[in-house]
Amino acid sequence: MNKSELTQKLAERTNLSKAEASRAVDALFSVDDGIIARALKSGEKVQITGFGVFESRKREARTGRNPRTGKEIRIGASTSAAFRAGKGLKDAVN
């Protein structure tokens, strides 16, 4: 399911117009100023009971290997977004 399909399903289920549903999806998931992205940028976790947890994880600097040349390279520290599915979501999928 892509973003437009998600917007369509949200509009159908909540009796919102497609434009309103699109704004709701953007408010949650927008990379630039979405609620989840803002929380992760500020170091907060977003926990939705039964669904899962969005969190940012720090990765230490490490040594890697260029697969083409085999030469060792230095990979800098970084922060990445992560999602852990909650028990309710896991049970629903299984």
PDB file of N, CA and C in Angstrom:
ATOM      1  N   MET A   1       0.848  -1.174   0.000  1.00  0.00           N
ATOM      2  CA  MET A   1       0.000   0.000   0.000  1.00  0.00           C
ATOM      3  C   MET A   1       0.895   1.239   0.000  1.00  0.00           C
ATOM      4  N   ASN A   2       0.623   2.158  -0.891  1.00  0.00           N
ATOM      5  CA  ASN A   2       1.396   3.399  -0.941  1.00  0.00           C
ATOM      6  C   ASN A   2       0.605   4.535  -0.285  1.00  0.00           C
ATOM      7  N   LYS A   3       1.181   5.727  -0.299  1.00  0.00           N
ATOM      8  CA  LYS A   3       0.585   6.864   0.402  1.00  0.00           C
ATOM      9  C   LYS A   3      -0.805   7.217  -0.142  1.00  0.00           C
ATOM     10  N   SER A   4      -0.986   7.210  -1.452  1.00  0.00           N
ATOM     11  CA  SER A   4      -2.291   7.574  -2.012  1.00  0.00           C
ATOM     12  C   SER A   4      -3.342   6.518  -1.673  1.00  0.00           C
ATOM     13  N   GLU A   5      -2.956   5.256  -1.654  1.00  0.00           N
ATOM     14  CA  GLU A   5      -3.895   4.207  -1.265  1.00  0.00           C
ATOM     15  C   GLU A   5      -4.261   4.320   0.212  1.00  0.00           C
ATOM     16  N   LEU A   6      -3.271   4.653   1.052  1.00  0.00           N
ATOM     17  CA  LEU A   6      -3.524   4.868   2.476  1.00  0.00           C
ATOM     18  C   LEU A   6      -4.488   6.040   2.675  1.00  0.00           C
ATOM     19  N   THR A   7      -4.275   7.106   1.943  1.00  0.00           N
ATOM     20  CA  THR A   7      -5.153   8.276   2.011  1.00  0.00           C
ATOM     21  C   THR A   7      -6.576   7.898   1.610  1.00  0.00           C
ATOM     22  N   GLN A   8      -6.716   7.134   0.553  1.00  0.00           N
ATOM     23  CA  GLN A   8      -8.044   6.709   0.075  1.00  0.00           C
ATOM     24  C   GLN A   8      -8.744   5.859   1.120  1.00  0.00           C
ATOM     25  N   LYS A   9      -8.043   4.896   1.701  1.00  0.00           N
ATOM     26  CA  LYS A   9      -8.636   4.027   2.726  1.00  0.00           C
ATOM     27  C   LYS A   9      -9.045   4.827   3.959  1.00  0.00           C
ATOM     28  N   LEU A  10      -8.202   5.786   4.374  1.00  0.00           N
ATOM     29  CA  LEU A  10      -8.524   6.629   5.521  1.00  0.00           C
ATOM     30  C   LEU A  10      -9.772   7.465   5.247  1.00  0.00           C
ATOM     31  N   ALA A  11      -9.872   8.009   4.046  1.00  0.00           N
ATOM     32  CA  ALA A  11     -11.041   8.809   3.668  1.00  0.00           C
ATOM     33  C   ALA A  11     -12.312   7.964   3.709  1.00  0.00           C
ATOM     34  N   GLU A  12     -12.236   6.747   3.200  1.00  0.00           N
ATOM     35  CA  GLU A  12     -13.408   5.860   3.187  1.00  0.00           C
ATOM     36  C   GLU A  12     -13.826   5.468   4.599  1.00  0.00           C
ATOM     37  N   ARG A  13     -12.860   5.119   5.429  1.00  0.00           N
ATOM     38  CA  ARG A  13     -13.169   4.620   6.766  1.00  0.00           C
ATOM     39  C   ARG A  13     -13.664   5.698   7.711  1.00  0.00           C
ATOM     40  N   THR A  14     -13.204   6.947   7.538  1.00  0.00           N
ATOM     41  CA  THR A  14     -13.543   8.015   8.489  1.00  0.00           C
ATOM     42  C   THR A  14     -14.541   9.024   7.947  1.00  0.00           C
ATOM     43  N   ASN A  15     -15.014   8.815   6.739  1.00  0.00           N
ATOM     44  CA  ASN A  15     -15.939   9.754   6.089  1.00  0.00           C
ATOM     45  C   ASN A  15     -15.345  11.153   5.958  1.00  0.00           C
ATOM     46  N   LEU A  16     -14.036  11.247   5.805  1.00  0.00           N
ATOM     47  CA  LEU A  16     -13.374  12.518   5.515  1.00  0.00           C
ATOM     48  C   LEU A  16     -13.292  12.671   4.002  1.00  0.00           C
ATOM     49  N   SER A  17     -13.128  13.893   3.551  1.00  0.00           N
ATOM     50  CA  SER A  17     -12.859  14.078   2.131  1.00  0.00           C
ATOM     51  C   SER A  17     -11.443  13.576   1.866  1.00  0.00           C
ATOM     52  N   LYS A  18     -11.156  13.324   0.619  1.00  0.00           N
ATOM     53  CA  LYS A  18      -9.828  12.842   0.262  1.00  0.00           C
ATOM     54  C   LYS A  18      -8.760  13.878   0.618  1.00  0.00           C
ATOM     55  N   ALA A  19      -9.079  15.163   0.454  1.00  0.00           N
ATOM     56  CA  ALA A  19      -8.138  16.238   0.788  1.00  0.00           C
ATOM     57  C   ALA A  19      -7.857  16.274   2.287  1.00  0.00           C
ATOM     58  N   GLU A  20      -8.905  16.112   3.091  1.00  0.00           N
ATOM     59  CA  GLU A  20      -8.724  16.106   4.545  1.00  0.00           C
ATOM     60  C   GLU A  20      -7.906  14.891   4.994  1.00  0.00           C
ATOM     61  N   ALA A  21      -8.179  13.748   4.401  1.00  0.00           N
ATOM     62  CA  ALA A  21      -7.427  12.539   4.731  1.00  0.00           C
ATOM     63  C   ALA A  21      -5.961  12.694   4.337  1.00  0.00           C
ATOM     64  N   SER A  22      -5.711  13.332   3.202  1.00  0.00           N
ATOM     65  CA  SER A  22      -4.335  13.575   2.757  1.00  0.00           C
ATOM     66  C   SER A  22      -3.593  14.474   3.738  1.00  0.00           C
ATOM     67  N   ARG A  23      -4.269  15.511   4.231  1.00  0.00           N
ATOM     68  CA  ARG A  23      -3.648  16.394   5.226  1.00  0.00           C
ATOM     69  C   ARG A  23      -3.360  15.644   6.526  1.00  0.00           C
ATOM     70  N   ALA A  24      -4.250  14.743   6.907  1.00  0.00           N
ATOM     71  CA  ALA A  24      -4.042  13.956   8.125  1.00  0.00           C
ATOM     72  C   ALA A  24      -2.834  13.022   7.983  1.00  0.00           C
ATOM     73  N   VAL A  25      -2.733  12.367   6.838  1.00  0.00           N
ATOM     74  CA  VAL A  25      -1.588  11.478   6.585  1.00  0.00           C
ATOM     75  C   VAL A  25      -0.298  12.285   6.567  1.00  0.00           C
ATOM     76  N   ASP A  26      -0.307  13.440   5.908  1.00  0.00           N
ATOM     77  CA  ASP A  26       0.880  14.298   5.870  1.00  0.00           C
ATOM     78  C   ASP A  26       1.259  14.795   7.260  1.00  0.00           C
ATOM     79  N   ALA A  27       0.270  15.120   8.078  1.00  0.00           N
ATOM     80  CA  ALA A  27       0.550  15.615   9.424  1.00  0.00           C
ATOM     81  C   ALA A  27       1.278  14.563  10.257  1.00  0.00           C
ATOM     82  N   LEU A  28       0.970  13.307  10.024  1.00  0.00           N
ATOM     83  CA  LEU A  28       1.638  12.237  10.768  1.00  0.00           C
ATOM     84  C   LEU A  28       2.978  11.837  10.161  1.00  0.00           C
ATOM     85  N   PHE A  29       3.007  11.627   8.854  1.00  0.00           N
ATOM     86  CA  PHE A  29       4.133  10.950   8.228  1.00  0.00           C
ATOM     87  C   PHE A  29       5.067  11.828   7.398  1.00  0.00           C
ATOM     88  N   SER A  30       4.821  13.108   7.276  1.00  0.00           N
ATOM     89  CA  SER A  30       5.686  13.966   6.469  1.00  0.00           C
ATOM     90  C   SER A  30       7.114  13.936   7.011  1.00  0.00           C
ATOM     91  N   VAL A  31       8.072  13.810   6.125  1.00  0.00           N
ATOM     92  CA  VAL A  31       9.478  13.741   6.525  1.00  0.00           C
ATOM     93  C   VAL A  31       9.960  15.083   7.061  1.00  0.00           C
ATOM     94  N   ASP A  32       9.484  16.178   6.483  1.00  0.00           N
ATOM     95  CA  ASP A  32       9.952  17.506   6.875  1.00  0.00           C
ATOM     96  C   ASP A  32       9.363  17.990   8.194  1.00  0.00           C
ATOM     97  N   ASP A  33       8.040  17.928   8.339  1.00  0.00           N
ATOM     98  CA  ASP A  33       7.435  18.483   9.540  1.00  0.00           C
ATOM     99  C   ASP A  33       6.306  17.618  10.099  1.00  0.00           C
ATOM    100  N   GLY A  34       6.350  16.321   9.842  1.00  0.00           N
ATOM    101  CA  GLY A  34       5.340  15.418  10.384  1.00  0.00           C
ATOM    102  C   GLY A  34       5.523  15.227  11.882  1.00  0.00           C
ATOM    103  N   ILE A  35       4.470  14.847  12.550  1.00  0.00           N
ATOM    104  CA  ILE A  35       4.495  14.670  14.001  1.00  0.00           C
ATOM    105  C   ILE A  35       5.525  13.620  14.406  1.00  0.00           C
ATOM    106  N   ILE A  36       5.566  12.492  13.710  1.00  0.00           N
ATOM    107  CA  ILE A  36       6.514  11.430  14.052  1.00  0.00           C
ATOM    108  C   ILE A  36       7.947  11.875  13.789  1.00  0.00           C
ATOM    109  N   ALA A  37       8.200  12.491  12.640  1.00  0.00           N
ATOM    110  CA  ALA A  37       9.562  12.933  12.313  1.00  0.00           C
ATOM    111  C   ALA A  37      10.065  13.980  13.299  1.00  0.00           C
ATOM    112  N   ARG A  38       9.214  14.915  13.679  1.00  0.00           N
ATOM    113  CA  ARG A  38       9.618  15.943  14.651  1.00  0.00           C
ATOM    114  C   ARG A  38       9.986  15.321  15.990  1.00  0.00           C
ATOM    115  N   ALA A  39       9.182  14.369  16.438  1.00  0.00           N
ATOM    116  CA  ALA A  39       9.463  13.708  17.711  1.00  0.00           C
ATOM    117  C   ALA A  39      10.791  12.960  17.656  1.00  0.00           C
ATOM    118  N   LEU A  40      11.048  12.263  16.572  1.00  0.00           N
ATOM    119  CA  LEU A  40      12.304  11.515  16.445  1.00  0.00           C
ATOM    120  C   LEU A  40      13.504  12.452  16.370  1.00  0.00           C
ATOM    121  N   LYS A  41      13.354  13.577  15.680  1.00  0.00           N
ATOM    122  CA  LYS A  41      14.443  14.550  15.584  1.00  0.00           C
ATOM    123  C   LYS A  41      14.799  15.120  16.945  1.00  0.00           C
ATOM    124  N   SER A  42      13.802  15.269  17.811  1.00  0.00           N
ATOM    125  CA  SER A  42      14.066  15.831  19.136  1.00  0.00           C
ATOM    126  C   SER A  42      14.432  14.757  20.158  1.00  0.00           C
ATOM    127  N   GLY A  43      14.565  13.510  19.716  1.00  0.00           N
ATOM    128  CA  GLY A  43      15.006  12.439  20.605  1.00  0.00           C
ATOM    129  C   GLY A  43      13.896  11.733  21.352  1.00  0.00           C
ATOM    130  N   GLU A  44      12.644  12.048  21.049  1.00  0.00           N
ATOM    131  CA  GLU A  44      11.515  11.401  21.718  1.00  0.00           C
ATOM    132  C   GLU A  44      11.153  10.092  21.018  1.00  0.00           C
ATOM    133  N   LYS A  45      10.471   9.222  21.767  1.00  0.00           N
ATOM    134  CA  LYS A  45       9.883   8.017  21.200  1.00  0.00           C
ATOM    135  C   LYS A  45       8.415   8.292  20.930  1.00  0.00           C
ATOM    136  N   VAL A  46       7.859   7.660  19.902  1.00  0.00           N
ATOM    137  CA  VAL A  46       6.434   7.733  19.632  1.00  0.00           C
ATOM    138  C   VAL A  46       5.890   6.326  19.842  1.00  0.00           C
ATOM    139  N   GLN A  47       5.126   6.151  20.914  1.00  0.00           N
ATOM    140  CA  GLN A  47       4.613   4.843  21.284  1.00  0.00           C
ATOM    141  C   GLN A  47       3.109   4.813  21.080  1.00  0.00           C
ATOM    142  N   ILE A  48       2.657   3.906  20.228  1.00  0.00           N
ATOM    143  CA  ILE A  48       1.236   3.730  19.961  1.00  0.00           C
ATOM    144  C   ILE A  48       0.880   2.341  20.504  1.00  0.00           C
ATOM    145  N   THR A  49       0.197   2.329  21.626  1.00  0.00           N
ATOM    146  CA  THR A  49      -0.086   1.086  22.333  1.00  0.00           C
ATOM    147  C   THR A  49      -0.766   0.076  21.416  1.00  0.00           C
ATOM    148  N   GLY A  50      -0.221  -1.129  21.395  1.00  0.00           N
ATOM    149  CA  GLY A  50      -0.756  -2.209  20.575  1.00  0.00           C
ATOM    150  C   GLY A  50      -0.251  -2.197  19.151  1.00  0.00           C
ATOM    151  N   PHE A  51       0.237  -1.054  18.680  1.00  0.00           N
ATOM    152  CA  PHE A  51       0.715  -0.959  17.298  1.00  0.00           C
ATOM    153  C   PHE A  51       2.230  -1.062  17.242  1.00  0.00           C
ATOM    154  N   GLY A  52       2.929  -0.185  17.970  1.00  0.00           N
ATOM    155  CA  GLY A  52       4.378  -0.239  17.965  1.00  0.00           C
ATOM    156  C   GLY A  52       5.017   1.044  18.439  1.00  0.00           C
ATOM    157  N   VAL A  53       6.340   1.073  18.338  1.00  0.00           N
ATOM    158  CA  VAL A  53       7.129   2.200  18.818  1.00  0.00           C
ATOM    159  C   VAL A  53       8.062   2.679  17.710  1.00  0.00           C
ATOM    160  N   PHE A  54       8.027   3.980  17.446  1.00  0.00           N
ATOM    161  CA  PHE A  54       8.994   4.618  16.563  1.00  0.00           C
ATOM    162  C   PHE A  54      10.047   5.247  17.467  1.00  0.00           C
ATOM    163  N   GLU A  55      11.328   5.028  17.175  1.00  0.00           N
ATOM    164  CA  GLU A  55      12.385   5.619  17.977  1.00  0.00           C
ATOM    165  C   GLU A  55      13.605   5.878  17.103  1.00  0.00           C
ATOM    166  N   SER A  56      14.478   6.757  17.597  1.00  0.00           N
ATOM    167  CA  SER A  56      15.732   6.995  16.883  1.00  0.00           C
ATOM    168  C   SER A  56      16.829   6.233  17.616  1.00  0.00           C
ATOM    169  N   ARG A  57      17.723   5.645  16.843  1.00  0.00           N
ATOM    170  CA  ARG A  57      18.826   4.867  17.403  1.00  0.00           C
ATOM    171  C   ARG A  57      20.144   5.421  16.889  1.00  0.00           C
ATOM    172  N   LYS A  58      21.082   5.534  17.808  1.00  0.00           N
ATOM    173  CA  LYS A  58      22.410   6.016  17.447  1.00  0.00           C
ATOM    174  C   LYS A  58      23.290   4.834  17.075  1.00  0.00           C
ATOM    175  N   ARG A  59      24.032   4.994  15.987  1.00  0.00           N
ATOM    176  CA  ARG A  59      24.981   3.963  15.555  1.00  0.00           C
ATOM    177  C   ARG A  59      26.382   4.523  15.714  1.00  0.00           C
ATOM    178  N   GLU A  60      27.238   3.760  16.319  1.00  0.00           N
ATOM    179  CA  GLU A  60      28.621   4.173  16.534  1.00  0.00           C
ATOM    180  C   GLU A  60      29.386   4.153  15.214  1.00  0.00           C
ATOM    181  N   ALA A  61      30.486   4.900  15.179  1.00  0.00           N
ATOM    182  CA  ALA A  61      31.378   4.857  14.012  1.00  0.00           C
ATOM    183  C   ALA A  61      31.995   3.465  13.946  1.00  0.00           C
ATOM    184  N   ARG A  62      32.245   3.000  12.744  1.00  0.00           N
ATOM    185  CA  ARG A  62      32.803   1.654  12.585  1.00  0.00           C
ATOM    186  C   ARG A  62      33.634   1.561  11.313  1.00  0.00           C
ATOM    187  N   THR A  63      34.324   0.463  11.177  1.00  0.00           N
ATOM    188  CA  THR A  63      35.112   0.209   9.979  1.00  0.00           C
ATOM    189  C   THR A  63      34.332  -0.747   9.093  1.00  0.00           C
ATOM    190  N   GLY A  64      34.204  -0.392   7.826  1.00  0.00           N
ATOM    191  CA  GLY A  64      33.508  -1.238   6.865  1.00  0.00           C
ATOM    192  C   GLY A  64      34.445  -1.622   5.733  1.00  0.00           C
ATOM    193  N   ARG A  65      33.907  -2.267   4.748  1.00  0.00           N
ATOM    194  CA  ARG A  65      34.724  -2.698   3.621  1.00  0.00           C
ATOM    195  C   ARG A  65      33.977  -2.377   2.329  1.00  0.00           C
ATOM    196  N   ASN A  66      34.685  -1.747   1.392  1.00  0.00           N
ATOM    197  CA  ASN A  66      34.119  -1.466   0.083  1.00  0.00           C
ATOM    198  C   ASN A  66      33.989  -2.803  -0.647  1.00  0.00           C
ATOM    199  N   PRO A  67      32.763  -3.223  -1.003  1.00  0.00           N
ATOM    200  CA  PRO A  67      32.599  -4.543  -1.625  1.00  0.00           C
ATOM    201  C   PRO A  67      33.232  -4.647  -3.014  1.00  0.00           C
ATOM    202  N   ARG A  68      33.386  -3.518  -3.683  1.00  0.00           N
ATOM    203  CA  ARG A  68      33.958  -3.551  -5.024  1.00  0.00           C
ATOM    204  C   ARG A  68      35.474  -3.716  -4.990  1.00  0.00           C
ATOM    205  N   THR A  69      36.143  -2.965  -4.109  1.00  0.00           N
ATOM    206  CA  THR A  69      37.606  -2.987  -4.077  1.00  0.00           C
ATOM    207  C   THR A  69      38.175  -3.814  -2.934  1.00  0.00           C
ATOM    208  N   GLY A  70      37.368  -4.064  -1.903  1.00  0.00           N
ATOM    209  CA  GLY A  70      37.849  -4.797  -0.743  1.00  0.00           C
ATOM    210  C   GLY A  70      38.608  -3.923   0.239  1.00  0.00           C
ATOM    211  N   LYS A  71      38.743  -2.638  -0.063  1.00  0.00           N
ATOM    212  CA  LYS A  71      39.493  -1.723   0.790  1.00  0.00           C
ATOM    213  C   LYS A  71      38.661  -1.343   2.021  1.00  0.00           C
ATOM    214  N   GLU A  72      39.326  -1.254   3.168  1.00  0.00           N
ATOM    215  CA  GLU A  72      38.636  -0.851   4.387  1.00  0.00           C
ATOM    216  C   GLU A  72      38.320   0.638   4.337  1.00  0.00           C
ATOM    217  N   ILE A  73      37.123   0.987   4.818  1.00  0.00           N
ATOM    218  CA  ILE A  73      36.708   2.390   4.870  1.00  0.00           C
ATOM    219  C   ILE A  73      36.144   2.689   6.249  1.00  0.00           C
ATOM    220  N   ARG A  74      36.176   3.947   6.619  1.00  0.00           N
ATOM    221  CA  ARG A  74      35.644   4.389   7.905  1.00  0.00           C
ATOM    222  C   ARG A  74      34.205   4.867   7.698  1.00  0.00           C
ATOM    223  N   ILE A  75      33.280   4.320   8.459  1.00  0.00           N
ATOM    224  CA  ILE A  75      31.882   4.717   8.392  1.00  0.00           C
ATOM    225  C   ILE A  75      31.595   5.526   9.646  1.00  0.00           C
ATOM    226  N   GLY A  76      31.144   6.753   9.462  1.00  0.00           N
ATOM    227  CA  GLY A  76      30.909   7.660  10.578  1.00  0.00           C
ATOM    228  C   GLY A  76      29.691   7.292  11.407  1.00  0.00           C
ATOM    229  N   ALA A  77      29.624   7.849  12.600  1.00  0.00           N
ATOM    230  CA  ALA A  77      28.469   7.649  13.470  1.00  0.00           C
ATOM    231  C   ALA A  77      27.237   8.266  12.827  1.00  0.00           C
ATOM    232  N   SER A  78      26.076   7.691  13.108  1.00  0.00           N
ATOM    233  CA  SER A  78      24.840   8.212  12.534  1.00  0.00           C
ATOM    234  C   SER A  78      23.667   7.903  13.461  1.00  0.00           C
ATOM    235  N   THR A  79      22.566   8.552  13.181  1.00  0.00           N
ATOM    236  CA  THR A  79      21.326   8.294  13.891  1.00  0.00           C
ATOM    237  C   THR A  79      20.292   7.868  12.860  1.00  0.00           C
ATOM    238  N   SER A  80      19.555   6.794  13.155  1.00  0.00           N
ATOM    239  CA  SER A  80      18.562   6.316  12.204  1.00  0.00           C
ATOM    240  C   SER A  80      17.231   6.077  12.905  1.00  0.00           C
ATOM    241  N   ALA A  81      16.170   6.094  12.135  1.00  0.00           N
ATOM    242  CA  ALA A  81      14.835   5.835  12.658  1.00  0.00           C
ATOM    243  C   ALA A  81      14.607   4.328  12.694  1.00  0.00           C
ATOM    244  N   ALA A  82      13.903   3.869  13.721  1.00  0.00           N
ATOM    245  CA  ALA A  82      13.607   2.445  13.860  1.00  0.00           C
ATOM    246  C   ALA A  82      12.159   2.274  14.301  1.00  0.00           C
ATOM    247  N   PHE A  83      11.593   1.134  13.965  1.00  0.00           N
ATOM    248  CA  PHE A  83      10.231   0.804  14.372  1.00  0.00           C
ATOM    249  C   PHE A  83      10.222  -0.598  14.960  1.00  0.00           C
ATOM    250  N   ARG A  84       9.591  -0.734  16.123  1.00  0.00           N
ATOM    251  CA  ARG A  84       9.383  -2.038  16.745  1.00  0.00           C
ATOM    252  C   ARG A  84       7.884  -2.290  16.800  1.00  0.00           C
ATOM    253  N   ALA A  85       7.466  -3.370  16.205  1.00  0.00           N
ATOM    254  CA  ALA A  85       6.036  -3.698  16.207  1.00  0.00           C
ATOM    255  C   ALA A  85       5.589  -4.111  17.596  1.00  0.00           C
ATOM    256  N   GLY A  86       4.392  -3.683  17.974  1.00  0.00           N
ATOM    257  CA  GLY A  86       3.811  -4.039  19.256  1.00  0.00           C
ATOM    258  C   GLY A  86       3.140  -5.394  19.209  1.00  0.00           C
ATOM    259  N   LYS A  87       2.773  -5.906  20.367  1.00  0.00           N
ATOM    260  CA  LYS A  87       2.169  -7.228  20.460  1.00  0.00           C
ATOM    261  C   LYS A  87       0.870  -7.306  19.671  1.00  0.00           C
ATOM    262  N   GLY A  88       0.047  -6.280  19.747  1.00  0.00           N
ATOM    263  CA  GLY A  88      -1.223  -6.302  19.009  1.00  0.00           C
ATOM    264  C   GLY A  88      -1.019  -6.425  17.510  1.00  0.00           C
ATOM    265  N   LEU A  89      -0.064  -5.694  16.964  1.00  0.00           N
ATOM    266  CA  LEU A  89       0.232  -5.750  15.529  1.00  0.00           C
ATOM    267  C   LEU A  89       0.808  -7.111  15.158  1.00  0.00           C
ATOM    268  N   LYS A  90       1.723  -7.614  15.979  1.00  0.00           N
ATOM    269  CA  LYS A  90       2.307  -8.946  15.710  1.00  0.00           C
ATOM    270  C   LYS A  90       1.241 -10.017  15.699  1.00  0.00           C
ATOM    271  N   ASP A  91       0.334  -9.958  16.688  1.00  0.00           N
ATOM    272  CA  ASP A  91      -0.736 -10.958  16.755  1.00  0.00           C
ATOM    273  C   ASP A  91      -1.684 -10.844  15.555  1.00  0.00           C
ATOM    274  N   ALA A  92      -1.975  -9.620  15.134  1.00  0.00           N
ATOM    275  CA  ALA A  92      -2.881  -9.423  13.997  1.00  0.00           C
ATOM    276  C   ALA A  92      -2.287  -9.962  12.702  1.00  0.00           C
ATOM    277  N   VAL A  93      -0.973  -9.818  12.549  1.00  0.00           N
ATOM    278  CA  VAL A  93      -0.302 -10.276  11.330  1.00  0.00           C
ATOM    279  C   VAL A  93      -0.202 -11.793  11.313  1.00  0.00           C
ATOM    280  N   ASN A  94       0.037 -12.372  12.475  1.00  0.00           N
ATOM    281  CA  ASN A  94       0.133 -13.837  12.551  1.00  0.00           C
ATOM    282  C   ASN A  94      -1.253 -14.417  12.588  1.00  0.00           C
TER     283      ASN A  94
END
